[in-house]
Amino acid sequence: MFHIFLSVLLLVSLLSAPQAIAARYNLDPTHTFIEFRAKHLGYSWLYGRFNRIEGTLIWDQSRPHASRVKVEIDLRSLDSNHAERDKHLRGEEYLDASQYRRATFESIRYEGDADSGMLTGNLTLRSITREISIPVSRIGEGYDPWGGYRVGFEGKYILNTFDYGMEYDVGPDGNIIELFLGIEGIKQKKLAPKRR
């Protein structure tokens, strides 16, 4: 009887033990990209990017549904390869980057497998927050030459500037922005416990 009691107690302790925690990654700002393109007067494409991006990623390929990501974009870092145009796009008629310095995306769920799926979260731009869903795919993951561990993803999203209060007329379909997203996370190293 005592042996049965011990067996039940062991089983309960195993079932109640905390599950493995997904690893935390810092986004590598030199290998994380948010690029965009939009129609210019309906005649051609205008291309650009944001040069300053930071964030964190929670990832475990054995439990992709538990993944989370938070990204902050410095709107003042918009770069379309033309100083006067950048000044206009950062100005009050568009991003108003002096007042709204950052845009943020924070995920709330991921549906899919370890290779691809749909990432849903809240995008806040110009103090307006909307829930959006981004199809994403994993590019790869593994150890780098310096002993770190990395994982990379890519995605694409179509943004309507009217949804975020940017209604400046730049021609036919100028309010439709194609965003190309590429992130690379570096796994945070666990600190060794301090000796007493």
C-alpha atoms as a PDB file:
ATOM      1  CA  MET A   1       0.000   0.000   0.000  1.00  0.00           C
ATOM      2  CA  PHE A   2       2.846   2.393   0.862  1.00  0.00           C
ATOM      3  CA  HIS A   3       4.476   1.674  -2.529  1.00  0.00           C
ATOM      4  CA  ILE A   4       1.224   2.529  -4.328  1.00  0.00           C
ATOM      5  CA  PHE A   5       1.007   5.799  -2.389  1.00  0.00           C
ATOM      6  CA  LEU A   6       4.593   6.699  -3.379  1.00  0.00           C
ATOM      7  CA  SER A   7       3.881   5.870  -7.039  1.00  0.00           C
ATOM      8  CA  VAL A   8       0.780   8.091  -7.070  1.00  0.00           C
ATOM      9  CA  LEU A   9       2.707  10.889  -5.356  1.00  0.00           C
ATOM     10  CA  LEU A  10       5.522  10.657  -7.942  1.00  0.00           C
ATOM     11  CA  LEU A  11       3.040  10.701 -10.824  1.00  0.00           C
ATOM     12  CA  VAL A  12       1.294  13.795  -9.434  1.00  0.00           C
ATOM     13  CA  SER A  13       4.614  15.582  -8.992  1.00  0.00           C
ATOM     14  CA  LEU A  14       5.628  14.803 -12.582  1.00  0.00           C
ATOM     15  CA  LEU A  15       2.317  15.995 -13.991  1.00  0.00           C
ATOM     16  CA  SER A  16       2.422  19.198 -11.964  1.00  0.00           C
ATOM     17  CA  ALA A  17       6.063  19.985 -12.811  1.00  0.00           C
ATOM     18  CA  PRO A  18       6.481  23.154 -14.928  1.00  0.00           C
ATOM     19  CA  GLN A  19       6.861  22.602 -18.666  1.00  0.00           C
ATOM     20  CA  ALA A  20      10.046  23.555 -20.471  1.00  0.00           C
ATOM     21  CA  ILE A  21      10.196  27.290 -21.026  1.00  0.00           C
ATOM     22  CA  ALA A  22      10.718  28.537 -24.575  1.00  0.00           C
ATOM     23  CA  ALA A  23      13.985  30.391 -25.096  1.00  0.00           C
ATOM     24  CA  ARG A  24      14.214  34.171 -25.251  1.00  0.00           C
ATOM     25  CA  TYR A  25      15.977  35.821 -28.193  1.00  0.00           C
ATOM     26  CA  ASN A  26      17.091  39.401 -28.751  1.00  0.00           C
ATOM     27  CA  LEU A  27      16.542  40.680 -32.270  1.00  0.00           C
ATOM     28  CA  ASP A  28      19.822  41.340 -34.035  1.00  0.00           C
ATOM     29  CA  PRO A  29      19.449  44.942 -35.282  1.00  0.00           C
ATOM     30  CA  THR A  30      22.001  44.378 -38.049  1.00  0.00           C
ATOM     31  CA  HIS A  31      20.075  41.403 -39.468  1.00  0.00           C
ATOM     32  CA  THR A  32      16.520  42.538 -38.819  1.00  0.00           C
ATOM     33  CA  PHE A  33      14.793  44.465 -41.594  1.00  0.00           C
ATOM     34  CA  ILE A  34      11.524  46.239 -42.242  1.00  0.00           C
ATOM     35  CA  GLU A  35      11.382  47.388 -45.828  1.00  0.00           C
ATOM     36  CA  PHE A  36       8.449  48.858 -47.718  1.00  0.00           C
ATOM     37  CA  ARG A  37       7.232  49.925 -51.106  1.00  0.00           C
ATOM     38  CA  ALA A  38       4.306  52.051 -52.236  1.00  0.00           C
ATOM     39  CA  LYS A  39       2.989  53.330 -55.543  1.00  0.00           C
ATOM     40  CA  HIS A  40       4.282  56.767 -56.528  1.00  0.00           C
ATOM     41  CA  LEU A  41       1.555  58.676 -58.404  1.00  0.00           C
ATOM     42  CA  GLY A  42       0.461  55.307 -59.780  1.00  0.00           C
ATOM     43  CA  TYR A  43       3.441  55.312 -62.158  1.00  0.00           C
ATOM     44  CA  SER A  44       6.218  53.559 -60.265  1.00  0.00           C
ATOM     45  CA  TRP A  45       7.300  52.137 -56.906  1.00  0.00           C
ATOM     46  CA  LEU A  46       8.822  54.057 -54.035  1.00  0.00           C
ATOM     47  CA  TYR A  47      11.067  51.880 -51.853  1.00  0.00           C
ATOM     48  CA  GLY A  48      12.352  52.463 -48.354  1.00  0.00           C
ATOM     49  CA  ARG A  49      13.223  50.969 -44.998  1.00  0.00           C
ATOM     50  CA  PHE A  50      13.560  51.662 -41.291  1.00  0.00           C
ATOM     51  CA  ASN A  51      17.131  51.606 -40.035  1.00  0.00           C
ATOM     52  CA  ARG A  52      16.574  51.254 -36.273  1.00  0.00           C
ATOM     53  CA  ILE A  53      14.617  48.253 -35.008  1.00  0.00           C
ATOM     54  CA  GLU A  54      14.801  46.388 -31.715  1.00  0.00           C
ATOM     55  CA  GLY A  55      12.813  43.716 -29.953  1.00  0.00           C
ATOM     56  CA  THR A  56      12.584  40.289 -28.388  1.00  0.00           C
ATOM     57  CA  LEU A  57      11.347  36.882 -29.458  1.00  0.00           C
ATOM     58  CA  ILE A  58      10.174  33.872 -27.461  1.00  0.00           C
ATOM     59  CA  TRP A  59      10.697  30.737 -29.546  1.00  0.00           C
ATOM     60  CA  ASP A  60      10.737  26.953 -29.187  1.00  0.00           C
ATOM     61  CA  GLN A  61      10.303  24.965 -32.381  1.00  0.00           C
ATOM     62  CA  SER A  62       8.813  22.052 -30.409  1.00  0.00           C
ATOM     63  CA  ARG A  63       6.040  24.378 -29.158  1.00  0.00           C
ATOM     64  CA  PRO A  64       5.596  27.055 -31.832  1.00  0.00           C
ATOM     65  CA  HIS A  65       2.130  28.023 -30.548  1.00  0.00           C
ATOM     66  CA  ALA A  66       3.837  29.459 -27.438  1.00  0.00           C
ATOM     67  CA  SER A  67       5.890  31.883 -29.533  1.00  0.00           C
ATOM     68  CA  ARG A  68       5.762  35.606 -28.871  1.00  0.00           C
ATOM     69  CA  VAL A  69       7.455  38.590 -30.451  1.00  0.00           C
ATOM     70  CA  LYS A  70       7.687  42.277 -29.629  1.00  0.00           C
ATOM     71  CA  VAL A  71       9.185  44.765 -32.069  1.00  0.00           C
ATOM     72  CA  GLU A  72       9.808  48.500 -31.760  1.00  0.00           C
ATOM     73  CA  ILE A  73      10.523  50.606 -34.847  1.00  0.00           C
ATOM     74  CA  ASP A  74      12.090  54.050 -34.581  1.00  0.00           C
ATOM     75  CA  LEU A  75      10.014  56.031 -37.091  1.00  0.00           C
ATOM     76  CA  ARG A  76      12.691  58.729 -37.239  1.00  0.00           C
ATOM     77  CA  SER A  77      14.949  56.160 -38.932  1.00  0.00           C
ATOM     78  CA  LEU A  78      12.816  56.002 -42.101  1.00  0.00           C
ATOM     79  CA  ASP A  79      15.117  55.973 -45.106  1.00  0.00           C
ATOM     80  CA  SER A  80      13.933  56.251 -48.717  1.00  0.00           C
ATOM     81  CA  ASN A  81      17.289  57.402 -50.076  1.00  0.00           C
ATOM     82  CA  HIS A  82      16.131  61.022 -50.483  1.00  0.00           C
ATOM     83  CA  ALA A  83      16.553  63.519 -47.631  1.00  0.00           C
ATOM     84  CA  GLU A  84      13.692  65.877 -48.551  1.00  0.00           C
ATOM     85  CA  ARG A  85      11.256  63.024 -49.117  1.00  0.00           C
ATOM     86  CA  ASP A  86      12.292  61.433 -45.813  1.00  0.00           C
ATOM     87  CA  LYS A  87      11.643  64.741 -44.057  1.00  0.00           C
ATOM     88  CA  HIS A  88       8.160  64.848 -45.573  1.00  0.00           C
ATOM     89  CA  LEU A  89       7.323  61.220 -44.730  1.00  0.00           C
ATOM     90  CA  ARG A  90       8.497  61.718 -41.129  1.00  0.00           C
ATOM     91  CA  GLY A  91       6.460  64.949 -40.930  1.00  0.00           C
ATOM     92  CA  GLU A  92       2.984  65.745 -39.619  1.00  0.00           C
ATOM     93  CA  GLU A  93       1.171  64.820 -42.840  1.00  0.00           C
ATOM     94  CA  TYR A  94       2.406  61.253 -42.605  1.00  0.00           C
ATOM     95  CA  LEU A  95       4.248  59.471 -39.755  1.00  0.00           C
ATOM     96  CA  ASP A  96       4.542  62.580 -37.548  1.00  0.00           C
ATOM     97  CA  ALA A  97       7.687  61.002 -36.112  1.00  0.00           C
ATOM     98  CA  SER A  98       8.490  63.966 -33.876  1.00  0.00           C
ATOM     99  CA  GLN A  99       5.323  63.261 -31.871  1.00  0.00           C
ATOM    100  CA  TYR A 100       5.004  59.501 -32.419  1.00  0.00           C
ATOM    101  CA  ARG A 101       8.606  58.382 -32.329  1.00  0.00           C
ATOM    102  CA  ARG A 102       7.981  54.651 -32.282  1.00  0.00           C
ATOM    103  CA  ALA A 103       5.687  52.091 -33.827  1.00  0.00           C
ATOM    104  CA  THR A 104       5.269  48.808 -31.966  1.00  0.00           C
ATOM    105  CA  PHE A 105       4.039  45.333 -32.759  1.00  0.00           C
ATOM    106  CA  GLU A 106       3.302  42.873 -29.961  1.00  0.00           C
ATOM    107  CA  SER A 107       2.001  39.422 -30.812  1.00  0.00           C
ATOM    108  CA  ILE A 108      -0.925  37.798 -29.023  1.00  0.00           C
ATOM    109  CA  ARG A 109      -0.975  34.384 -30.709  1.00  0.00           C
ATOM    110  CA  TYR A 110       0.656  32.199 -33.327  1.00  0.00           C
ATOM    111  CA  GLU A 111      -1.187  29.557 -35.344  1.00  0.00           C
ATOM    112  CA  GLY A 112       0.839  27.146 -37.419  1.00  0.00           C
ATOM    113  CA  ASP A 113       3.804  24.825 -37.158  1.00  0.00           C
ATOM    114  CA  ALA A 114       7.520  25.413 -36.720  1.00  0.00           C
ATOM    115  CA  ASP A 115       7.980  26.226 -40.407  1.00  0.00           C
ATOM    116  CA  SER A 116       5.123  28.602 -41.209  1.00  0.00           C
ATOM    117  CA  GLY A 117       1.918  30.048 -39.842  1.00  0.00           C
ATOM    118  CA  MET A 118      -0.055  33.155 -38.986  1.00  0.00           C
ATOM    119  CA  LEU A 119       1.224  35.618 -36.396  1.00  0.00           C
ATOM    120  CA  THR A 120      -1.476  37.850 -34.910  1.00  0.00           C
ATOM    121  CA  GLY A 121      -0.814  40.857 -32.747  1.00  0.00           C
ATOM    122  CA  ASN A 122      -1.399  44.538 -32.098  1.00  0.00           C
ATOM    123  CA  LEU A 123       0.277  47.138 -34.289  1.00  0.00           C
ATOM    124  CA  THR A 124       0.417  50.606 -32.756  1.00  0.00           C
ATOM    125  CA  LEU A 125       1.223  53.451 -35.142  1.00  0.00           C
ATOM    126  CA  ARG A 126       0.545  57.151 -34.490  1.00  0.00           C
ATOM    127  CA  SER A 127      -1.098  56.107 -31.180  1.00  0.00           C
ATOM    128  CA  ILE A 128      -3.680  54.012 -33.072  1.00  0.00           C
ATOM    129  CA  THR A 129      -3.701  50.299 -32.230  1.00  0.00           C
ATOM    130  CA  ARG A 130      -5.181  47.671 -34.537  1.00  0.00           C
ATOM    131  CA  GLU A 131      -5.027  43.893 -34.512  1.00  0.00           C
ATOM    132  CA  ILE A 132      -3.311  42.515 -37.601  1.00  0.00           C
ATOM    133  CA  SER A 133      -2.298  39.055 -38.839  1.00  0.00           C
ATOM    134  CA  ILE A 134       0.967  38.427 -40.671  1.00  0.00           C
ATOM    135  CA  PRO A 135       1.795  35.226 -42.581  1.00  0.00           C
ATOM    136  CA  VAL A 136       5.319  34.247 -41.535  1.00  0.00           C
ATOM    137  CA  SER A 137       7.785  31.482 -42.301  1.00  0.00           C
ATOM    138  CA  ARG A 138      10.948  30.290 -40.617  1.00  0.00           C
ATOM    139  CA  ILE A 139      14.060  30.656 -42.742  1.00  0.00           C
ATOM    140  CA  GLY A 140      16.289  28.548 -40.502  1.00  0.00           C
ATOM    141  CA  GLU A 141      17.976  28.239 -37.152  1.00  0.00           C
ATOM    142  CA  GLY A 142      21.172  26.906 -35.638  1.00  0.00           C
ATOM    143  CA  TYR A 143      24.536  27.781 -34.167  1.00  0.00           C
ATOM    144  CA  ASP A 144      26.596  30.633 -35.547  1.00  0.00           C
ATOM    145  CA  PRO A 145      30.418  30.688 -35.887  1.00  0.00           C
ATOM    146  CA  TRP A 146      30.761  32.578 -32.579  1.00  0.00           C
ATOM    147  CA  GLY A 147      29.036  30.030 -30.363  1.00  0.00           C
ATOM    148  CA  GLY A 148      25.624  31.682 -30.345  1.00  0.00           C
ATOM    149  CA  TYR A 149      22.310  30.274 -31.499  1.00  0.00           C
ATOM    150  CA  ARG A 150      20.128  32.096 -34.026  1.00  0.00           C
ATOM    151  CA  VAL A 151      16.741  31.801 -35.687  1.00  0.00           C
ATOM    152  CA  GLY A 152      15.324  33.792 -38.590  1.00  0.00           C
ATOM    153  CA  PHE A 153      11.829  34.486 -39.926  1.00  0.00           C
ATOM    154  CA  GLU A 154      10.284  36.440 -42.767  1.00  0.00           C
ATOM    155  CA  GLY A 155       6.830  37.799 -43.477  1.00  0.00           C
ATOM    156  CA  LYS A 156       4.833  40.201 -45.594  1.00  0.00           C
ATOM    157  CA  TYR A 157       1.967  42.524 -44.710  1.00  0.00           C
ATOM    158  CA  ILE A 158      -0.205  44.980 -46.645  1.00  0.00           C
ATOM    159  CA  LEU A 159      -0.858  48.136 -44.612  1.00  0.00           C
ATOM    160  CA  ASN A 160      -3.517  50.724 -45.380  1.00  0.00           C
ATOM    161  CA  THR A 161      -2.280  54.113 -44.163  1.00  0.00           C
ATOM    162  CA  PHE A 162      -5.878  55.351 -43.846  1.00  0.00           C
ATOM    163  CA  ASP A 163      -6.303  52.900 -40.936  1.00  0.00           C
ATOM    164  CA  TYR A 164      -3.697  54.884 -39.001  1.00  0.00           C
ATOM    165  CA  GLY A 165      -4.818  58.416 -39.776  1.00  0.00           C
ATOM    166  CA  MET A 166      -2.432  59.047 -42.680  1.00  0.00           C
ATOM    167  CA  GLU A 167      -4.613  60.363 -45.501  1.00  0.00           C
ATOM    168  CA  TYR A 168      -2.164  62.455 -47.482  1.00  0.00           C
ATOM    169  CA  ASP A 169      -2.877  61.996 -51.207  1.00  0.00           C
ATOM    170  CA  VAL A 170       0.100  60.525 -53.042  1.00  0.00           C
ATOM    171  CA  GLY A 171      -1.840  59.267 -56.040  1.00  0.00           C
ATOM    172  CA  PRO A 172      -3.716  56.063 -56.918  1.00  0.00           C
ATOM    173  CA  ASP A 173      -3.212  53.322 -54.307  1.00  0.00           C
ATOM    174  CA  GLY A 174      -0.595  55.446 -52.556  1.00  0.00           C
ATOM    175  CA  ASN A 175      -2.215  54.537 -49.250  1.00  0.00           C
ATOM    176  CA  ILE A 176      -1.402  50.852 -49.740  1.00  0.00           C
ATOM    177  CA  ILE A 177       2.027  50.001 -48.311  1.00  0.00           C
ATOM    178  CA  GLU A 178       3.656  46.633 -48.858  1.00  0.00           C
ATOM    179  CA  LEU A 179       5.832  45.719 -45.881  1.00  0.00           C
ATOM    180  CA  PHE A 180       8.577  43.112 -46.125  1.00  0.00           C
ATOM    181  CA  LEU A 181       9.725  41.806 -42.753  1.00  0.00           C
ATOM    182  CA  GLY A 182      12.849  39.863 -41.860  1.00  0.00           C
ATOM    183  CA  ILE A 183      13.962  39.200 -38.290  1.00  0.00           C
ATOM    184  CA  GLU A 184      16.906  37.332 -36.836  1.00  0.00           C
ATOM    185  CA  GLY A 185      17.029  36.512 -33.151  1.00  0.00           C
ATOM    186  CA  ILE A 186      20.058  35.665 -31.032  1.00  0.00           C
ATOM    187  CA  LYS A 187      19.337  33.319 -28.160  1.00  0.00           C
ATOM    188  CA  GLN A 188      20.069  34.828 -24.776  1.00  0.00           C
ATOM    189  CA  LYS A 189      22.659  32.898 -22.824  1.00  0.00           C
ATOM    190  CA  LYS A 190      21.667  31.640 -19.407  1.00  0.00           C
ATOM    191  CA  LEU A 191      23.744  33.046 -16.611  1.00  0.00           C
ATOM    192  CA  ALA A 192      25.533  30.531 -14.383  1.00  0.00           C
ATOM    193  CA  PRO A 193      24.202  30.557 -10.810  1.00  0.00           C
ATOM    194  CA  LYS A 194      26.311  32.532  -8.371  1.00  0.00           C
ATOM    195  CA  ARG A 195      28.376  30.534  -5.923  1.00  0.00           C
ATOM    196  CA  ARG A 196      27.758  31.160  -2.271  1.00  0.00           C
END
